[in-house]
Amino acid sequence: MHLGSTPTASTAPRWAEDIVDVAREGARSELDYSVASLRYVDRVLGEIRDQNPPEGLMDSMLVEFGCYLGEVLVRCAGATWVDLDEGQRAGFGRGLGLRTPDGRLWDPIGAVVSWFARRSGQSAQAFVRTASVVAHR
């Protein structure tokens, strides 16, 4: 758990590994960084969201799932983690993002947080599909 800290481009893969470990130990499920594994992520996040946990309780886990989502893009679409500059931070609300080979910036952590809070209809699977298609145009 990463209470009080935030991931950077160099630490985001470790945050993703942490949620992989939690899934393996707690749910006996393997997250293998494939696009197909995002079905599990969407299902688990949906089940937790439906339980209406107190606001703030899930923050660290949502960031870990966001890092996992980002790592799927790193491995499947050739994206790279980047530490954002001030202007980019203002748009993302955090100092970390992904750059796909076409130069676009993506916010996998924000995507997970928004979907969990029902501010976005885009699931983890849909986010990766969108980013992958756009990156390979």
C-alpha atoms as a PDB file:
ATOM      1  CA  MET A   1       0.000   0.000   0.000  1.00  0.00           C
ATOM      2  CA  HIS A   2       1.228   3.469  -0.866  1.00  0.00           C
ATOM      3  CA  LEU A   3      -0.469   5.750   1.634  1.00  0.00           C
ATOM      4  CA  GLY A   4       0.497   9.370   1.148  1.00  0.00           C
ATOM      5  CA  SER A   5       2.614   8.756  -1.942  1.00  0.00           C
ATOM      6  CA  THR A   6       1.950   9.053  -5.634  1.00  0.00           C
ATOM      7  CA  PRO A   7       3.422   7.057  -8.489  1.00  0.00           C
ATOM      8  CA  THR A   8       6.008   8.453 -10.891  1.00  0.00           C
ATOM      9  CA  ALA A   9       7.124   7.214 -14.297  1.00  0.00           C
ATOM     10  CA  SER A  10       9.797   5.113 -12.616  1.00  0.00           C
ATOM     11  CA  THR A  11       7.554   3.681  -9.860  1.00  0.00           C
ATOM     12  CA  ALA A  12       4.263   3.113 -11.746  1.00  0.00           C
ATOM     13  CA  PRO A  13       5.216  -0.454 -12.776  1.00  0.00           C
ATOM     14  CA  ARG A  14       5.723  -1.337  -9.097  1.00  0.00           C
ATOM     15  CA  TRP A  15       2.283   0.066  -8.231  1.00  0.00           C
ATOM     16  CA  ALA A  16       0.854  -2.209 -10.942  1.00  0.00           C
ATOM     17  CA  GLU A  17       2.767  -5.182  -9.512  1.00  0.00           C
ATOM     18  CA  ASP A  18       1.227  -4.478  -6.113  1.00  0.00           C
ATOM     19  CA  ILE A  19      -2.332  -4.892  -7.412  1.00  0.00           C
ATOM     20  CA  VAL A  20      -1.251  -8.048  -9.268  1.00  0.00           C
ATOM     21  CA  ASP A  21      -0.002  -9.410  -5.926  1.00  0.00           C
ATOM     22  CA  VAL A  22      -3.265  -8.455  -4.184  1.00  0.00           C
ATOM     23  CA  ALA A  23      -5.311 -10.209  -6.878  1.00  0.00           C
ATOM     24  CA  ARG A  24      -3.139 -13.322  -6.679  1.00  0.00           C
ATOM     25  CA  GLU A  25      -3.170 -13.539  -2.888  1.00  0.00           C
ATOM     26  CA  GLY A  26      -6.656 -12.267  -2.081  1.00  0.00           C
ATOM     27  CA  ALA A  27      -8.792 -13.331  -5.007  1.00  0.00           C
ATOM     28  CA  ARG A  28      -6.589 -16.128  -6.297  1.00  0.00           C
ATOM     29  CA  SER A  29      -6.693 -14.531  -9.719  1.00  0.00           C
ATOM     30  CA  GLU A  30      -3.859 -13.963 -12.151  1.00  0.00           C
ATOM     31  CA  LEU A  31      -3.535 -10.570 -13.735  1.00  0.00           C
ATOM     32  CA  ASP A  32      -1.190 -11.147 -16.674  1.00  0.00           C
ATOM     33  CA  TYR A  33      -1.085  -7.659 -18.235  1.00  0.00           C
ATOM     34  CA  SER A  34      -3.207  -8.785 -21.183  1.00  0.00           C
ATOM     35  CA  VAL A  35      -6.161  -6.863 -22.573  1.00  0.00           C
ATOM     36  CA  ALA A  36      -8.309  -9.878 -21.639  1.00  0.00           C
ATOM     37  CA  SER A  37      -7.284  -9.500 -17.971  1.00  0.00           C
ATOM     38  CA  LEU A  38      -9.056  -6.147 -17.922  1.00  0.00           C
ATOM     39  CA  ARG A  39     -12.397  -7.979 -17.838  1.00  0.00           C
ATOM     40  CA  TYR A  40     -11.419  -9.053 -14.314  1.00  0.00           C
ATOM     41  CA  VAL A  41     -10.412  -5.482 -13.422  1.00  0.00           C
ATOM     42  CA  ASP A  42     -13.732  -4.113 -14.669  1.00  0.00           C
ATOM     43  CA  ARG A  43     -15.689  -6.797 -12.820  1.00  0.00           C
ATOM     44  CA  VAL A  44     -13.858  -6.325  -9.514  1.00  0.00           C
ATOM     45  CA  LEU A  45     -14.080  -2.542  -9.640  1.00  0.00           C
ATOM     46  CA  GLY A  46     -17.772  -2.761 -10.510  1.00  0.00           C
ATOM     47  CA  GLU A  47     -18.444  -5.100  -7.593  1.00  0.00           C
ATOM     48  CA  ILE A  48     -16.568  -2.851  -5.163  1.00  0.00           C
ATOM     49  CA  ARG A  49     -18.282   0.260  -6.536  1.00  0.00           C
ATOM     50  CA  ASP A  50     -21.697  -1.373  -6.095  1.00  0.00           C
ATOM     51  CA  GLN A  51     -20.919  -1.792  -2.377  1.00  0.00           C
ATOM     52  CA  ASN A  52     -20.640   2.028  -2.078  1.00  0.00           C
ATOM     53  CA  PRO A  53     -17.420   2.177  -0.046  1.00  0.00           C
ATOM     54  CA  PRO A  54     -16.809   5.402   1.895  1.00  0.00           C
ATOM     55  CA  GLU A  55     -15.225   8.120  -0.221  1.00  0.00           C
ATOM     56  CA  GLY A  56     -11.447   7.996  -0.064  1.00  0.00           C
ATOM     57  CA  LEU A  57     -11.254   4.397   1.133  1.00  0.00           C
ATOM     58  CA  MET A  58     -10.357   3.071  -2.312  1.00  0.00           C
ATOM     59  CA  ASP A  59      -7.994   5.844  -3.447  1.00  0.00           C
ATOM     60  CA  SER A  60      -4.736   3.888  -3.254  1.00  0.00           C
ATOM     61  CA  MET A  61      -6.250   0.781  -4.826  1.00  0.00           C
ATOM     62  CA  LEU A  62      -7.745   2.821  -7.674  1.00  0.00           C
ATOM     63  CA  VAL A  63      -4.313   4.299  -8.391  1.00  0.00           C
ATOM     64  CA  GLU A  64      -2.824   0.783  -8.375  1.00  0.00           C
ATOM     65  CA  PHE A  65      -5.500  -0.409 -10.810  1.00  0.00           C
ATOM     66  CA  GLY A  66      -4.804   2.683 -12.932  1.00  0.00           C
ATOM     67  CA  CYS A  67      -1.118   1.787 -12.988  1.00  0.00           C
ATOM     68  CA  TYR A  68      -2.051  -1.764 -13.979  1.00  0.00           C
ATOM     69  CA  LEU A  69      -4.199  -0.386 -16.800  1.00  0.00           C
ATOM     70  CA  GLY A  70      -1.244   1.738 -17.887  1.00  0.00           C
ATOM     71  CA  GLU A  71       1.112  -1.239 -17.785  1.00  0.00           C
ATOM     72  CA  VAL A  72      -1.244  -3.127 -20.100  1.00  0.00           C
ATOM     73  CA  LEU A  73      -0.814  -0.260 -22.579  1.00  0.00           C
ATOM     74  CA  VAL A  74       2.947  -0.274 -22.058  1.00  0.00           C
ATOM     75  CA  ARG A  75       3.135  -3.972 -22.864  1.00  0.00           C
ATOM     76  CA  CYS A  76       0.439  -4.208 -25.548  1.00  0.00           C
ATOM     77  CA  ALA A  77       0.660  -0.854 -27.344  1.00  0.00           C
ATOM     78  CA  GLY A  78       4.239   0.310 -26.800  1.00  0.00           C
ATOM     79  CA  ALA A  79       3.287   3.190 -24.496  1.00  0.00           C
ATOM     80  CA  THR A  80       5.761   4.666 -22.015  1.00  0.00           C
ATOM     81  CA  TRP A  81       5.194   6.204 -18.598  1.00  0.00           C
ATOM     82  CA  VAL A  82       6.051   9.906 -18.448  1.00  0.00           C
ATOM     83  CA  ASP A  83       6.317  12.443 -15.664  1.00  0.00           C
ATOM     84  CA  LEU A  84       4.208  15.387 -16.805  1.00  0.00           C
ATOM     85  CA  ASP A  85       5.180  19.043 -16.927  1.00  0.00           C
ATOM     86  CA  GLU A  86       3.161  21.746 -15.143  1.00  0.00           C
ATOM     87  CA  GLY A  87       0.783  22.381 -18.042  1.00  0.00           C
ATOM     88  CA  GLN A  88       0.098  18.698 -18.541  1.00  0.00           C
ATOM     89  CA  ARG A  89      -0.415  18.216 -14.805  1.00  0.00           C
ATOM     90  CA  ALA A  90      -3.134  20.848 -14.842  1.00  0.00           C
ATOM     91  CA  GLY A  91      -5.055  18.841 -17.431  1.00  0.00           C
ATOM     92  CA  PHE A  92      -4.506  15.447 -15.820  1.00  0.00           C
ATOM     93  CA  GLY A  93      -4.730  16.458 -12.173  1.00  0.00           C
ATOM     94  CA  ARG A  94      -1.622  14.380 -11.451  1.00  0.00           C
ATOM     95  CA  GLY A  95       2.012  14.274 -12.457  1.00  0.00           C
ATOM     96  CA  LEU A  96       1.951  10.967 -14.325  1.00  0.00           C
ATOM     97  CA  GLY A  97       0.665   9.852 -17.689  1.00  0.00           C
ATOM     98  CA  LEU A  98       1.364   7.570 -20.616  1.00  0.00           C
ATOM     99  CA  ARG A  99       2.681   8.507 -24.028  1.00  0.00           C
ATOM    100  CA  THR A 100       1.721   6.231 -26.900  1.00  0.00           C
ATOM    101  CA  PRO A 101       3.998   5.867 -29.944  1.00  0.00           C
ATOM    102  CA  ASP A 102       1.948   8.477 -31.834  1.00  0.00           C
ATOM    103  CA  GLY A 103       2.892  11.077 -29.175  1.00  0.00           C
ATOM    104  CA  ARG A 104      -0.510  11.319 -27.495  1.00  0.00           C
ATOM    105  CA  LEU A 105      -0.796  11.487 -23.725  1.00  0.00           C
ATOM    106  CA  TRP A 106      -3.212   9.250 -21.823  1.00  0.00           C
ATOM    107  CA  ASP A 107      -4.390   9.175 -18.212  1.00  0.00           C
ATOM    108  CA  PRO A 108      -5.050   5.567 -17.161  1.00  0.00           C
ATOM    109  CA  ILE A 109      -5.293   6.470 -13.469  1.00  0.00           C
ATOM    110  CA  GLY A 110      -7.868   9.149 -14.222  1.00  0.00           C
ATOM    111  CA  ALA A 111      -9.775   6.694 -16.415  1.00  0.00           C
ATOM    112  CA  VAL A 112     -10.068   4.186 -13.563  1.00  0.00           C
ATOM    113  CA  VAL A 113     -10.988   6.846 -11.000  1.00  0.00           C
ATOM    114  CA  SER A 114     -13.638   8.374 -13.301  1.00  0.00           C
ATOM    115  CA  TRP A 115     -15.161   5.039 -14.221  1.00  0.00           C
ATOM    116  CA  PHE A 116     -15.271   3.975 -10.574  1.00  0.00           C
ATOM    117  CA  ALA A 117     -16.957   7.253  -9.613  1.00  0.00           C
ATOM    118  CA  ARG A 118     -19.383   6.822 -12.541  1.00  0.00           C
ATOM    119  CA  ARG A 119     -18.201   9.995 -14.193  1.00  0.00           C
ATOM    120  CA  SER A 120     -17.247   8.039 -17.303  1.00  0.00           C
ATOM    121  CA  GLY A 121     -18.798   5.119 -19.086  1.00  0.00           C
ATOM    122  CA  GLN A 122     -15.430   3.879 -20.350  1.00  0.00           C
ATOM    123  CA  SER A 123     -14.281   0.674 -18.694  1.00  0.00           C
ATOM    124  CA  ALA A 124     -10.640  -0.398 -18.420  1.00  0.00           C
ATOM    125  CA  GLN A 125     -11.054  -2.640 -21.461  1.00  0.00           C
ATOM    126  CA  ALA A 126     -12.610   0.151 -23.508  1.00  0.00           C
ATOM    127  CA  PHE A 127      -9.870   2.593 -22.473  1.00  0.00           C
ATOM    128  CA  VAL A 128      -7.096   0.256 -23.653  1.00  0.00           C
ATOM    129  CA  ARG A 129      -8.884  -0.545 -26.890  1.00  0.00           C
ATOM    130  CA  THR A 130      -9.373   3.154 -27.630  1.00  0.00           C
ATOM    131  CA  ALA A 131      -5.781   4.067 -26.802  1.00  0.00           C
ATOM    132  CA  SER A 132      -4.404   1.112 -28.769  1.00  0.00           C
ATOM    133  CA  VAL A 133      -6.444   1.889 -31.878  1.00  0.00           C
ATOM    134  CA  VAL A 134      -5.588   5.595 -31.789  1.00  0.00           C
ATOM    135  CA  ALA A 135      -1.893   4.889 -31.152  1.00  0.00           C
ATOM    136  CA  HIS A 136      -1.661   2.614 -34.180  1.00  0.00           C
ATOM    137  CA  ARG A 137      -3.367   4.880 -36.732  1.00  0.00           C
END
